[in-house]
Amino acid sequence: MVCVRCKQHRSPTIDANNASNISAKPNQMPWKLTIRIGELLVTAALAVAIIAAWRAERADRAQLAAELAAAKQSLTQADDRQHTRDSQLL
């Protein structure tokens, strides 16, 4: 038997007061979901930062390799000129 006066067994009805109370409350996300979204955002930000640093390091290495190749070429040309001068003197 269901008691008529007990709120526990009463079916929910929406009246003017109840409807205004429901709409006044903001829809809040559960804490676990909020924390999980925060974790995902922090992880994504760290991944982007790591990838950006890795790409910058690769670009720096490529630039250093190009500069080293140019320096070696200049040194080889200077060495060839020096050998030519030495052979002309003898």
C-alpha atoms as a PDB file:
ATOM      1  CA  MET A   1       0.000   0.000   0.000  1.00  0.00           C
ATOM      2  CA  VAL A   2       1.296   3.434  -0.971  1.00  0.00           C
ATOM      3  CA  CYS A   3       0.708   6.297   1.362  1.00  0.00           C
ATOM      4  CA  VAL A   4      -0.739   9.409  -0.243  1.00  0.00           C
ATOM      5  CA  ARG A   5       1.022  11.975   1.921  1.00  0.00           C
ATOM      6  CA  CYS A   6       4.535  10.540   1.834  1.00  0.00           C
ATOM      7  CA  LYS A   7       6.904  12.388  -0.532  1.00  0.00           C
ATOM      8  CA  GLN A   8       8.889   9.234  -1.058  1.00  0.00           C
ATOM      9  CA  HIS A   9       6.041   7.455  -2.790  1.00  0.00           C
ATOM     10  CA  ARG A  10       4.449  10.442  -4.494  1.00  0.00           C
ATOM     11  CA  SER A  11       4.956  10.754  -8.240  1.00  0.00           C
ATOM     12  CA  PRO A  12       6.775  13.935  -9.236  1.00  0.00           C
ATOM     13  CA  THR A  13       4.488  16.662 -10.404  1.00  0.00           C
ATOM     14  CA  ILE A  14       5.555  19.938 -11.868  1.00  0.00           C
ATOM     15  CA  ASP A  15       3.764  22.944 -10.585  1.00  0.00           C
ATOM     16  CA  ALA A  16       4.708  26.609 -10.991  1.00  0.00           C
ATOM     17  CA  ASN A  17       6.926  26.680  -7.874  1.00  0.00           C
ATOM     18  CA  ASN A  18       8.685  23.423  -8.673  1.00  0.00           C
ATOM     19  CA  ALA A  19       9.306  24.426 -12.320  1.00  0.00           C
ATOM     20  CA  SER A  20      10.875  27.745 -11.315  1.00  0.00           C
ATOM     21  CA  ASN A  21      13.152  25.984  -8.822  1.00  0.00           C
ATOM     22  CA  ILE A  22      14.289  23.499 -11.454  1.00  0.00           C
ATOM     23  CA  SER A  23      15.043  26.145 -14.070  1.00  0.00           C
ATOM     24  CA  ALA A  24      16.847  28.380 -11.538  1.00  0.00           C
ATOM     25  CA  LYS A  25      19.488  25.726 -10.841  1.00  0.00           C
ATOM     26  CA  PRO A  26      22.324  25.760 -13.384  1.00  0.00           C
ATOM     27  CA  ASN A  27      23.212  22.508 -15.029  1.00  0.00           C
ATOM     28  CA  GLN A  28      26.406  21.504 -13.262  1.00  0.00           C
ATOM     29  CA  MET A  29      28.855  18.933 -14.576  1.00  0.00           C
ATOM     30  CA  PRO A  30      29.879  16.204 -12.199  1.00  0.00           C
ATOM     31  CA  TRP A  31      33.306  16.727 -10.648  1.00  0.00           C
ATOM     32  CA  LYS A  32      34.776  13.563 -12.132  1.00  0.00           C
ATOM     33  CA  LEU A  33      33.841  14.659 -15.637  1.00  0.00           C
ATOM     34  CA  THR A  34      35.244  18.152 -15.037  1.00  0.00           C
ATOM     35  CA  ILE A  35      38.509  16.751 -13.720  1.00  0.00           C
ATOM     36  CA  ARG A  36      38.749  14.293 -16.619  1.00  0.00           C
ATOM     37  CA  ILE A  37      38.221  17.077 -19.166  1.00  0.00           C
ATOM     38  CA  GLY A  38      40.891  19.118 -17.377  1.00  0.00           C
ATOM     39  CA  GLU A  39      43.299  16.173 -17.511  1.00  0.00           C
ATOM     40  CA  LEU A  40      42.682  15.756 -21.223  1.00  0.00           C
ATOM     41  CA  LEU A  41      43.237  19.468 -21.878  1.00  0.00           C
ATOM     42  CA  VAL A  42      46.490  19.495 -19.888  1.00  0.00           C
ATOM     43  CA  THR A  43      47.671  16.353 -21.680  1.00  0.00           C
ATOM     44  CA  ALA A  44      46.831  17.851 -25.063  1.00  0.00           C
ATOM     45  CA  ALA A  45      48.644  21.093 -24.186  1.00  0.00           C
ATOM     46  CA  LEU A  46      51.733  19.171 -23.082  1.00  0.00           C
ATOM     47  CA  ALA A  47      51.665  17.073 -26.249  1.00  0.00           C
ATOM     48  CA  VAL A  48      51.463  20.199 -28.405  1.00  0.00           C
ATOM     49  CA  ALA A  49      54.350  21.780 -26.473  1.00  0.00           C
ATOM     50  CA  ILE A  50      56.500  18.660 -26.826  1.00  0.00           C
ATOM     51  CA  ILE A  51      55.787  18.369 -30.550  1.00  0.00           C
ATOM     52  CA  ALA A  52      56.571  22.066 -31.074  1.00  0.00           C
ATOM     53  CA  ALA A  53      59.862  21.716 -29.183  1.00  0.00           C
ATOM     54  CA  TRP A  54      60.753  18.584 -31.156  1.00  0.00           C
ATOM     55  CA  ARG A  55      60.070  20.318 -34.484  1.00  0.00           C
ATOM     56  CA  ALA A  56      62.139  23.344 -33.415  1.00  0.00           C
ATOM     57  CA  GLU A  57      65.002  21.032 -32.432  1.00  0.00           C
ATOM     58  CA  ARG A  58      64.830  19.293 -35.827  1.00  0.00           C
ATOM     59  CA  ALA A  59      64.903  22.654 -37.605  1.00  0.00           C
ATOM     60  CA  ASP A  60      67.898  23.747 -35.508  1.00  0.00           C
ATOM     61  CA  ARG A  61      69.743  20.524 -36.296  1.00  0.00           C
ATOM     62  CA  ALA A  62      69.024  20.894 -40.018  1.00  0.00           C
ATOM     63  CA  GLN A  63      70.281  24.486 -39.952  1.00  0.00           C
ATOM     64  CA  LEU A  64      73.443  23.444 -38.084  1.00  0.00           C
ATOM     65  CA  ALA A  65      74.027  20.629 -40.568  1.00  0.00           C
ATOM     66  CA  ALA A  66      73.699  23.075 -43.477  1.00  0.00           C
ATOM     67  CA  GLU A  67      76.079  25.534 -41.802  1.00  0.00           C
ATOM     68  CA  LEU A  68      78.563  22.731 -41.110  1.00  0.00           C
ATOM     69  CA  ALA A  69      78.421  21.580 -44.734  1.00  0.00           C
ATOM     70  CA  ALA A  70      79.016  25.158 -45.927  1.00  0.00           C
ATOM     71  CA  ALA A  71      81.936  25.551 -43.506  1.00  0.00           C
ATOM     72  CA  LYS A  72      83.470  22.258 -44.671  1.00  0.00           C
ATOM     73  CA  GLN A  73      83.101  23.338 -48.289  1.00  0.00           C
ATOM     74  CA  SER A  74      84.782  26.684 -47.555  1.00  0.00           C
ATOM     75  CA  LEU A  75      87.577  24.923 -45.687  1.00  0.00           C
ATOM     76  CA  THR A  76      88.095  22.488 -48.560  1.00  0.00           C
ATOM     77  CA  GLN A  77      88.230  25.347 -51.064  1.00  0.00           C
ATOM     78  CA  ALA A  78      90.723  27.251 -48.886  1.00  0.00           C
ATOM     79  CA  ASP A  79      92.837  24.115 -48.523  1.00  0.00           C
ATOM     80  CA  ASP A  80      92.829  23.608 -52.303  1.00  0.00           C
ATOM     81  CA  ARG A  81      93.910  27.216 -52.844  1.00  0.00           C
ATOM     82  CA  GLN A  82      96.676  26.796 -50.282  1.00  0.00           C
ATOM     83  CA  HIS A  83      97.937  23.650 -52.034  1.00  0.00           C
ATOM     84  CA  THR A  84      97.879  25.507 -55.354  1.00  0.00           C
ATOM     85  CA  ARG A  85      99.940  28.352 -53.856  1.00  0.00           C
ATOM     86  CA  ASP A  86     102.375  25.917 -52.278  1.00  0.00           C
ATOM     87  CA  SER A  87     102.855  24.078 -55.579  1.00  0.00           C
ATOM     88  CA  GLN A  88     103.446  27.387 -57.403  1.00  0.00           C
ATOM     89  CA  LEU A  89     106.144  28.358 -54.909  1.00  0.00           C
ATOM     90  CA  LEU A  90     108.094  25.149 -55.392  1.00  0.00           C
END
